Amino acid sequence: MKLPVIKHLTEFIAENDVDFVLETIETLEALTEVPSLKDEELDVIGELISNMYGAVEVSKLVQDGMPQKEALNTFMKRVLGSIDK
């Protein structure tokens, strides 16, 4: 996950609509089923999907009233905490 990408996508969601990102996630998930994709390509798609899901989560925190910077930090701490376990 890349924090600058999540931040940018969070701003996109605020300016537009979360449905754009959710539909893009669905499209990318469908692409992962293409049998001819190489592992590197699947890794890139997976990274994009995880960043988009992260942006959706951060966006929810911001909508609940948390400042964006705090929401980003809270989300990354949660991610890093789950990795450590």
PDB file of N, CA and C in Angstrom:
ATOM      1  N   MET A   1       0.831  -1.177   0.000  1.00  0.00           N
ATOM      2  CA  MET A   1       0.000   0.000   0.000  1.00  0.00           C
ATOM      3  C   MET A   1       0.881   1.248   0.000  1.00  0.00           C
ATOM      4  N   LYS A   2       0.444   2.206  -0.743  1.00  0.00           N
ATOM      5  CA  LYS A   2       1.185   3.454  -0.866  1.00  0.00           C
ATOM      6  C   LYS A   2       0.312   4.598  -0.354  1.00  0.00           C
ATOM      7  N   LEU A   3       0.772   5.224   0.721  1.00  0.00           N
ATOM      8  CA  LEU A   3       0.008   6.292   1.358  1.00  0.00           C
ATOM      9  C   LEU A   3      -0.302   7.453   0.408  1.00  0.00           C
ATOM     10  N   PRO A   4       0.655   7.915  -0.437  1.00  0.00           N
ATOM     11  CA  PRO A   4       0.314   9.010  -1.362  1.00  0.00           C
ATOM     12  C   PRO A   4      -0.807   8.634  -2.337  1.00  0.00           C
ATOM     13  N   VAL A   5      -0.828   7.380  -2.765  1.00  0.00           N
ATOM     14  CA  VAL A   5      -1.879   6.923  -3.683  1.00  0.00           C
ATOM     15  C   VAL A   5      -3.223   6.890  -2.944  1.00  0.00           C
ATOM     16  N   ILE A   6      -3.215   6.380  -1.723  1.00  0.00           N
ATOM     17  CA  ILE A   6      -4.449   6.334  -0.932  1.00  0.00           C
ATOM     18  C   ILE A   6      -4.958   7.746  -0.676  1.00  0.00           C
ATOM     19  N   LYS A   7      -4.065   8.661  -0.360  1.00  0.00           N
ATOM     20  CA  LYS A   7      -4.456  10.056  -0.122  1.00  0.00           C
ATOM     21  C   LYS A   7      -5.084  10.644  -1.380  1.00  0.00           C
ATOM     22  N   HIS A   8      -4.450  10.423  -2.519  1.00  0.00           N
ATOM     23  CA  HIS A   8      -4.974  10.955  -3.782  1.00  0.00           C
ATOM     24  C   HIS A   8      -6.353  10.372  -4.094  1.00  0.00           C
ATOM     25  N   LEU A   9      -6.500   9.085  -3.909  1.00  0.00           N
ATOM     26  CA  LEU A   9      -7.785   8.444  -4.170  1.00  0.00           C
ATOM     27  C   LEU A   9      -8.861   8.918  -3.190  1.00  0.00           C
ATOM     28  N   THR A  10      -8.471   9.178  -1.954  1.00  0.00           N
ATOM     29  CA  THR A  10      -9.411   9.701  -0.964  1.00  0.00           C
ATOM     30  C   THR A  10      -9.924  11.069  -1.400  1.00  0.00           C
ATOM     31  N   GLU A  11      -9.031  11.893  -1.916  1.00  0.00           N
ATOM     32  CA  GLU A  11      -9.432  13.201  -2.426  1.00  0.00           C
ATOM     33  C   GLU A  11     -10.346  13.051  -3.644  1.00  0.00           C
ATOM     34  N   PHE A  12     -10.042  12.068  -4.496  1.00  0.00           N
ATOM     35  CA  PHE A  12     -10.901  11.799  -5.652  1.00  0.00           C
ATOM     36  C   PHE A  12     -12.305  11.422  -5.194  1.00  0.00           C
ATOM     37  N   ILE A  13     -12.393  10.571  -4.179  1.00  0.00           N
ATOM     38  CA  ILE A  13     -13.694  10.146  -3.651  1.00  0.00           C
ATOM     39  C   ILE A  13     -14.459  11.346  -3.103  1.00  0.00           C
ATOM     40  N   ALA A  14     -13.767  12.233  -2.395  1.00  0.00           N
ATOM     41  CA  ALA A  14     -14.422  13.412  -1.818  1.00  0.00           C
ATOM     42  C   ALA A  14     -14.959  14.342  -2.913  1.00  0.00           C
ATOM     43  N   GLU A  15     -14.234  14.451  -4.010  1.00  0.00           N
ATOM     44  CA  GLU A  15     -14.634  15.344  -5.096  1.00  0.00           C
ATOM     45  C   GLU A  15     -15.675  14.721  -6.015  1.00  0.00           C
ATOM     46  N   ASN A  16     -15.703  13.411  -6.084  1.00  0.00           N
ATOM     47  CA  ASN A  16     -16.595  12.726  -7.012  1.00  0.00           C
ATOM     48  C   ASN A  16     -17.572  11.843  -6.246  1.00  0.00           C
ATOM     49  N   ASP A  17     -17.307  10.552  -6.254  1.00  0.00           N
ATOM     50  CA  ASP A  17     -18.204   9.628  -5.573  1.00  0.00           C
ATOM     51  C   ASP A  17     -17.470   8.312  -5.349  1.00  0.00           C
ATOM     52  N   VAL A  18     -17.716   7.696  -4.223  1.00  0.00           N
ATOM     53  CA  VAL A  18     -17.060   6.429  -3.895  1.00  0.00           C
ATOM     54  C   VAL A  18     -17.436   5.329  -4.886  1.00  0.00           C
ATOM     55  N   ASP A  19     -18.596   5.454  -5.516  1.00  0.00           N
ATOM     56  CA  ASP A  19     -19.032   4.418  -6.458  1.00  0.00           C
ATOM     57  C   ASP A  19     -18.071   4.251  -7.630  1.00  0.00           C
ATOM     58  N   PHE A  20     -17.429   5.338  -8.052  1.00  0.00           N
ATOM     59  CA  PHE A  20     -16.443   5.223  -9.133  1.00  0.00           C
ATOM     60  C   PHE A  20     -15.314   4.269  -8.729  1.00  0.00           C
ATOM     61  N   VAL A  21     -14.840   4.426  -7.517  1.00  0.00           N
ATOM     62  CA  VAL A  21     -13.734   3.591  -7.036  1.00  0.00           C
ATOM     63  C   VAL A  21     -14.210   2.158  -6.828  1.00  0.00           C
ATOM     64  N   LEU A  22     -15.395   1.983  -6.270  1.00  0.00           N
ATOM     65  CA  LEU A  22     -15.916   0.628  -6.047  1.00  0.00           C
ATOM     66  C   LEU A  22     -16.121  -0.116  -7.366  1.00  0.00           C
ATOM     67  N   GLU A  23     -16.599   0.581  -8.381  1.00  0.00           N
ATOM     68  CA  GLU A  23     -16.790  -0.050  -9.691  1.00  0.00           C
ATOM     69  C   GLU A  23     -15.438  -0.387 -10.332  1.00  0.00           C
ATOM     70  N   THR A  24     -14.457   0.455 -10.123  1.00  0.00           N
ATOM     71  CA  THR A  24     -13.116   0.176 -10.640  1.00  0.00           C
ATOM     72  C   THR A  24     -12.523  -1.047  -9.964  1.00  0.00           C
ATOM     73  N   ILE A  25     -12.751  -1.162  -8.655  1.00  0.00           N
ATOM     74  CA  ILE A  25     -12.287  -2.346  -7.916  1.00  0.00           C
ATOM     75  C   ILE A  25     -12.918  -3.600  -8.501  1.00  0.00           C
ATOM     76  N   GLU A  26     -14.212  -3.553  -8.746  1.00  0.00           N
ATOM     77  CA  GLU A  26     -14.906  -4.714  -9.324  1.00  0.00           C
ATOM     78  C   GLU A  26     -14.319  -5.077 -10.684  1.00  0.00           C
ATOM     79  N   THR A  27     -14.019  -4.061 -11.486  1.00  0.00           N
ATOM     80  CA  THR A  27     -13.444  -4.310 -12.811  1.00  0.00           C
ATOM     81  C   THR A  27     -12.064  -4.947 -12.697  1.00  0.00           C
ATOM     82  N   LEU A  28     -11.237  -4.409 -11.813  1.00  0.00           N
ATOM     83  CA  LEU A  28      -9.894  -4.972 -11.629  1.00  0.00           C
ATOM     84  C   LEU A  28      -9.957  -6.394 -11.080  1.00  0.00           C
ATOM     85  N   GLU A  29     -10.889  -6.646 -10.167  1.00  0.00           N
ATOM     86  CA  GLU A  29     -11.039  -8.001  -9.646  1.00  0.00           C
ATOM     87  C   GLU A  29     -11.439  -8.966 -10.752  1.00  0.00           C
ATOM     88  N   ALA A  30     -12.282  -8.515 -11.665  1.00  0.00           N
ATOM     89  CA  ALA A  30     -12.670  -9.370 -12.795  1.00  0.00           C
ATOM     90  C   ALA A  30     -11.471  -9.645 -13.699  1.00  0.00           C
ATOM     91  N   LEU A  31     -10.605  -8.655 -13.859  1.00  0.00           N
ATOM     92  CA  LEU A  31      -9.413  -8.840 -14.695  1.00  0.00           C
ATOM     93  C   LEU A  31      -8.459  -9.883 -14.133  1.00  0.00           C
ATOM     94  N   THR A  32      -8.460 -10.054 -12.824  1.00  0.00           N
ATOM     95  CA  THR A  32      -7.543 -11.031 -12.229  1.00  0.00           C
ATOM     96  C   THR A  32      -7.867 -12.457 -12.651  1.00  0.00           C
ATOM     97  N   GLU A  33      -9.029 -12.659 -13.213  1.00  0.00           N
ATOM     98  CA  GLU A  33      -9.435 -13.996 -13.647  1.00  0.00           C
ATOM     99  C   GLU A  33      -8.948 -14.342 -15.052  1.00  0.00           C
ATOM    100  N   VAL A  34      -8.308 -13.394 -15.723  1.00  0.00           N
ATOM    101  CA  VAL A  34      -7.777 -13.661 -17.062  1.00  0.00           C
ATOM    102  C   VAL A  34      -6.595 -14.619 -16.917  1.00  0.00           C
ATOM    103  N   PRO A  35      -6.683 -15.806 -17.524  1.00  0.00           N
ATOM    104  CA  PRO A  35      -5.646 -16.816 -17.307  1.00  0.00           C
ATOM    105  C   PRO A  35      -4.270 -16.461 -17.887  1.00  0.00           C
ATOM    106  N   SER A  36      -4.221 -15.579 -18.856  1.00  0.00           N
ATOM    107  CA  SER A  36      -2.937 -15.272 -19.493  1.00  0.00           C
ATOM    108  C   SER A  36      -2.136 -14.188 -18.774  1.00  0.00           C
ATOM    109  N   LEU A  37      -2.671 -13.629 -17.689  1.00  0.00           N
ATOM    110  CA  LEU A  37      -1.921 -12.597 -16.963  1.00  0.00           C
ATOM    111  C   LEU A  37      -0.703 -13.196 -16.276  1.00  0.00           C
ATOM    112  N   LYS A  38       0.384 -12.451 -16.316  1.00  0.00           N
ATOM    113  CA  LYS A  38       1.616 -12.867 -15.649  1.00  0.00           C
ATOM    114  C   LYS A  38       1.536 -12.495 -14.175  1.00  0.00           C
ATOM    115  N   ASP A  39       2.374 -13.122 -13.369  1.00  0.00           N
ATOM    116  CA  ASP A  39       2.393 -12.843 -11.933  1.00  0.00           C
ATOM    117  C   ASP A  39       2.656 -11.370 -11.645  1.00  0.00           C
ATOM    118  N   GLU A  40       3.556 -10.765 -12.405  1.00  0.00           N
ATOM    119  CA  GLU A  40       3.869  -9.345 -12.191  1.00  0.00           C
ATOM    120  C   GLU A  40       2.651  -8.474 -12.440  1.00  0.00           C
ATOM    121  N   GLU A  41       1.884  -8.821 -13.459  1.00  0.00           N
ATOM    122  CA  GLU A  41       0.675  -8.064 -13.776  1.00  0.00           C
ATOM    123  C   GLU A  41      -0.376  -8.233 -12.678  1.00  0.00           C
ATOM    124  N   LEU A  42      -0.496  -9.438 -12.177  1.00  0.00           N
ATOM    125  CA  LEU A  42      -1.429  -9.677 -11.072  1.00  0.00           C
ATOM    126  C   LEU A  42      -1.009  -8.911  -9.820  1.00  0.00           C
ATOM    127  N   ASP A  43       0.302  -8.823  -9.596  1.00  0.00           N
ATOM    128  CA  ASP A  43       0.805  -8.062  -8.448  1.00  0.00           C
ATOM    129  C   ASP A  43       0.426  -6.588  -8.557  1.00  0.00           C
ATOM    130  N   VAL A  44       0.559  -6.032  -9.755  1.00  0.00           N
ATOM    131  CA  VAL A  44       0.210  -4.622  -9.967  1.00  0.00           C
ATOM    132  C   VAL A  44      -1.280  -4.405  -9.744  1.00  0.00           C
ATOM    133  N   ILE A  45      -2.094  -5.293 -10.303  1.00  0.00           N
ATOM    134  CA  ILE A  45      -3.545  -5.183 -10.117  1.00  0.00           C
ATOM    135  C   ILE A  45      -3.897  -5.308  -8.637  1.00  0.00           C
ATOM    136  N   GLY A  46      -3.263  -6.236  -7.949  1.00  0.00           N
ATOM    137  CA  GLY A  46      -3.506  -6.414  -6.518  1.00  0.00           C
ATOM    138  C   GLY A  46      -3.135  -5.184  -5.720  1.00  0.00           C
ATOM    139  N   GLU A  47      -2.031  -4.554  -6.076  1.00  0.00           N
ATOM    140  CA  GLU A  47      -1.605  -3.323  -5.394  1.00  0.00           C
ATOM    141  C   GLU A  47      -2.613  -2.203  -5.619  1.00  0.00           C
ATOM    142  N   LEU A  48      -3.093  -2.084  -6.851  1.00  0.00           N
ATOM    143  CA  LEU A  48      -4.113  -1.071  -7.137  1.00  0.00           C
ATOM    144  C   LEU A  48      -5.386  -1.324  -6.332  1.00  0.00           C
ATOM    145  N   ILE A  49      -5.812  -2.573  -6.290  1.00  0.00           N
ATOM    146  CA  ILE A  49      -7.023  -2.916  -5.543  1.00  0.00           C
ATOM    147  C   ILE A  49      -6.857  -2.600  -4.061  1.00  0.00           C
ATOM    148  N   SER A  50      -5.722  -2.961  -3.484  1.00  0.00           N
ATOM    149  CA  SER A  50      -5.523  -2.717  -2.055  1.00  0.00           C
ATOM    150  C   SER A  50      -5.468  -1.222  -1.753  1.00  0.00           C
ATOM    151  N   ASN A  51      -4.860  -0.437  -2.636  1.00  0.00           N
ATOM    152  CA  ASN A  51      -4.848   1.013  -2.442  1.00  0.00           C
ATOM    153  C   ASN A  51      -6.249   1.596  -2.535  1.00  0.00           C
ATOM    154  N   MET A  52      -7.048   1.073  -3.445  1.00  0.00           N
ATOM    155  CA  MET A  52      -8.413   1.574  -3.591  1.00  0.00           C
ATOM    156  C   MET A  52      -9.275   1.208  -2.391  1.00  0.00           C
ATOM    157  N   TYR A  53      -9.146  -0.014  -1.907  1.00  0.00           N
ATOM    158  CA  TYR A  53      -9.882  -0.390  -0.692  1.00  0.00           C
ATOM    159  C   TYR A  53      -9.435   0.476   0.490  1.00  0.00           C
ATOM    160  N   GLY A  54      -8.148   0.760   0.556  1.00  0.00           N
ATOM    161  CA  GLY A  54      -7.638   1.632   1.610  1.00  0.00           C
ATOM    162  C   GLY A  54      -8.253   3.018   1.530  1.00  0.00           C
ATOM    163  N   ALA A  55      -8.355   3.547   0.322  1.00  0.00           N
ATOM    164  CA  ALA A  55      -8.952   4.876   0.133  1.00  0.00           C
ATOM    165  C   ALA A  55     -10.419   4.881   0.536  1.00  0.00           C
ATOM    166  N   VAL A  56     -11.122   3.809   0.246  1.00  0.00           N
ATOM    167  CA  VAL A  56     -12.536   3.715   0.646  1.00  0.00           C
ATOM    168  C   VAL A  56     -12.641   3.737   2.166  1.00  0.00           C
ATOM    169  N   GLU A  57     -11.771   2.999   2.840  1.00  0.00           N
ATOM    170  CA  GLU A  57     -11.786   2.971   4.314  1.00  0.00           C
ATOM    171  C   GLU A  57     -11.445   4.336   4.899  1.00  0.00           C
ATOM    172  N   VAL A  58     -10.424   4.993   4.362  1.00  0.00           N
ATOM    173  CA  VAL A  58     -10.043   6.321   4.845  1.00  0.00           C
ATOM    174  C   VAL A  58     -11.181   7.305   4.592  1.00  0.00           C
ATOM    175  N   SER A  59     -11.810   7.192   3.441  1.00  0.00           N
ATOM    176  CA  SER A  59     -12.923   8.068   3.102  1.00  0.00           C
ATOM    177  C   SER A  59     -14.066   7.924   4.118  1.00  0.00           C
ATOM    178  N   LYS A  60     -14.327   6.696   4.544  1.00  0.00           N
ATOM    179  CA  LYS A  60     -15.372   6.470   5.557  1.00  0.00           C
ATOM    180  C   LYS A  60     -15.015   7.157   6.873  1.00  0.00           C
ATOM    181  N   LEU A  61     -13.736   7.073   7.270  1.00  0.00           N
ATOM    182  CA  LEU A  61     -13.297   7.729   8.499  1.00  0.00           C
ATOM    183  C   LEU A  61     -13.468   9.248   8.399  1.00  0.00           C
ATOM    184  N   VAL A  62     -13.141   9.803   7.234  1.00  0.00           N
ATOM    185  CA  VAL A  62     -13.268  11.246   7.027  1.00  0.00           C
ATOM    186  C   VAL A  62     -14.741  11.646   7.060  1.00  0.00           C
ATOM    187  N   GLN A  63     -15.600  10.842   6.441  1.00  0.00           N
ATOM    188  CA  GLN A  63     -17.033  11.139   6.451  1.00  0.00           C
ATOM    189  C   GLN A  63     -17.601  11.092   7.860  1.00  0.00           C
ATOM    190  N   ASP A  64     -16.986  10.285   8.718  1.00  0.00           N
ATOM    191  CA  ASP A  64     -17.433  10.199  10.117  1.00  0.00           C
ATOM    192  C   ASP A  64     -16.883  11.343  10.961  1.00  0.00           C
ATOM    193  N   GLY A  65     -16.141  12.272  10.326  1.00  0.00           N
ATOM    194  CA  GLY A  65     -15.694  13.467  11.019  1.00  0.00           C
ATOM    195  C   GLY A  65     -14.226  13.531  11.389  1.00  0.00           C
ATOM    196  N   MET A  66     -13.461  12.509  11.051  1.00  0.00           N
ATOM    197  CA  MET A  66     -12.041  12.513  11.379  1.00  0.00           C
ATOM    198  C   MET A  66     -11.281  13.337  10.335  1.00  0.00           C
ATOM    199  N   PRO A  67     -10.331  14.177  10.757  1.00  0.00           N
ATOM    200  CA  PRO A  67      -9.515  14.904   9.770  1.00  0.00           C
ATOM    201  C   PRO A  67      -8.756  13.920   8.874  1.00  0.00           C
ATOM    202  N   GLN A  68      -8.521  14.322   7.617  1.00  0.00           N
ATOM    203  CA  GLN A  68      -7.919  13.410   6.647  1.00  0.00           C
ATOM    204  C   GLN A  68      -6.572  12.873   7.109  1.00  0.00           C
ATOM    205  N   LYS A  69      -5.721  13.740   7.623  1.00  0.00           N
ATOM    206  CA  LYS A  69      -4.390  13.288   8.043  1.00  0.00           C
ATOM    207  C   LYS A  69      -4.509  12.239   9.148  1.00  0.00           C
ATOM    208  N   GLU A  70      -5.382  12.486  10.111  1.00  0.00           N
ATOM    209  CA  GLU A  70      -5.583  11.521  11.196  1.00  0.00           C
ATOM    210  C   GLU A  70      -6.185  10.224  10.676  1.00  0.00           C
ATOM    211  N   ALA A  71      -7.104  10.337   9.717  1.00  0.00           N
ATOM    212  CA  ALA A  71      -7.725   9.143   9.128  1.00  0.00           C
ATOM    213  C   ALA A  71      -6.678   8.295   8.402  1.00  0.00           C
ATOM    214  N   LEU A  72      -5.796   8.953   7.652  1.00  0.00           N
ATOM    215  CA  LEU A  72      -4.726   8.227   6.955  1.00  0.00           C
ATOM    216  C   LEU A  72      -3.801   7.526   7.943  1.00  0.00           C
ATOM    217  N   ASN A  73      -3.421   8.241   8.992  1.00  0.00           N
ATOM    218  CA  ASN A  73      -2.538   7.649  10.002  1.00  0.00           C
ATOM    219  C   ASN A  73      -3.212   6.492  10.735  1.00  0.00           C
ATOM    220  N   THR A  74      -4.477   6.662  11.082  1.00  0.00           N
ATOM    221  CA  THR A  74      -5.226   5.602  11.768  1.00  0.00           C
ATOM    222  C   THR A  74      -5.298   4.356  10.893  1.00  0.00           C
ATOM    223  N   PHE A  75      -5.587   4.560   9.623  1.00  0.00           N
ATOM    224  CA  PHE A  75      -5.695   3.427   8.707  1.00  0.00           C
ATOM    225  C   PHE A  75      -4.357   2.706   8.567  1.00  0.00           C
ATOM    226  N   MET A  76      -3.280   3.454   8.382  1.00  0.00           N
ATOM    227  CA  MET A  76      -1.967   2.820   8.203  1.00  0.00           C
ATOM    228  C   MET A  76      -1.522   2.101   9.470  1.00  0.00           C
ATOM    229  N   LYS A  77      -1.825   2.657  10.632  1.00  0.00           N
ATOM    230  CA  LYS A  77      -1.498   1.965  11.880  1.00  0.00           C
ATOM    231  C   LYS A  77      -2.250   0.645  11.970  1.00  0.00           C
ATOM    232  N   ARG A  78      -3.507   0.662  11.552  1.00  0.00           N
ATOM    233  CA  ARG A  78      -4.315  -0.563  11.572  1.00  0.00           C
ATOM    234  C   ARG A  78      -3.734  -1.600  10.614  1.00  0.00           C
ATOM    235  N   VAL A  79      -3.315  -1.159   9.443  1.00  0.00           N
ATOM    236  CA  VAL A  79      -2.725  -2.064   8.454  1.00  0.00           C
ATOM    237  C   VAL A  79      -1.418  -2.646   8.983  1.00  0.00           C
ATOM    238  N   LEU A  80      -0.558  -1.769   9.485  1.00  0.00           N
ATOM    239  CA  LEU A  80       0.736  -2.225   9.994  1.00  0.00           C
ATOM    240  C   LEU A  80       0.545  -3.131  11.206  1.00  0.00           C
ATOM    241  N   GLY A  81      -0.448  -2.853  12.033  1.00  0.00           N
ATOM    242  CA  GLY A  81      -0.740  -3.693  13.187  1.00  0.00           C
ATOM    243  C   GLY A  81      -1.183  -5.082  12.781  1.00  0.00           C
ATOM    244  N   SER A  82      -1.949  -5.171  11.691  1.00  0.00           N
ATOM    245  CA  SER A  82      -2.400  -6.480  11.235  1.00  0.00           C
ATOM    246  C   SER A  82      -1.266  -7.265  10.581  1.00  0.00           C
ATOM    247  N   ILE A  83      -0.294  -6.561  10.028  1.00  0.00           N
ATOM    248  CA  ILE A  83       0.861  -7.229   9.414  1.00  0.00           C
ATOM    249  C   ILE A  83       1.773  -7.811  10.488  1.00  0.00           C
ATOM    250  N   ASP A  84       1.926  -7.074  11.594  1.00  0.00           N
ATOM    251  CA  ASP A  84       2.801  -7.517  12.683  1.00  0.00           C
ATOM    252  C   ASP A  84       2.294  -8.770  13.374  1.00  0.00           C
ATOM    253  N   LYS A  85       1.011  -9.014  13.302  1.00  0.00           N
ATOM    254  CA  LYS A  85       0.422 -10.141  14.041  1.00  0.00           C
ATOM    255  C   LYS A  85       0.595 -11.439  13.328  1.00  0.00           C
TER     256      LYS A  85
END
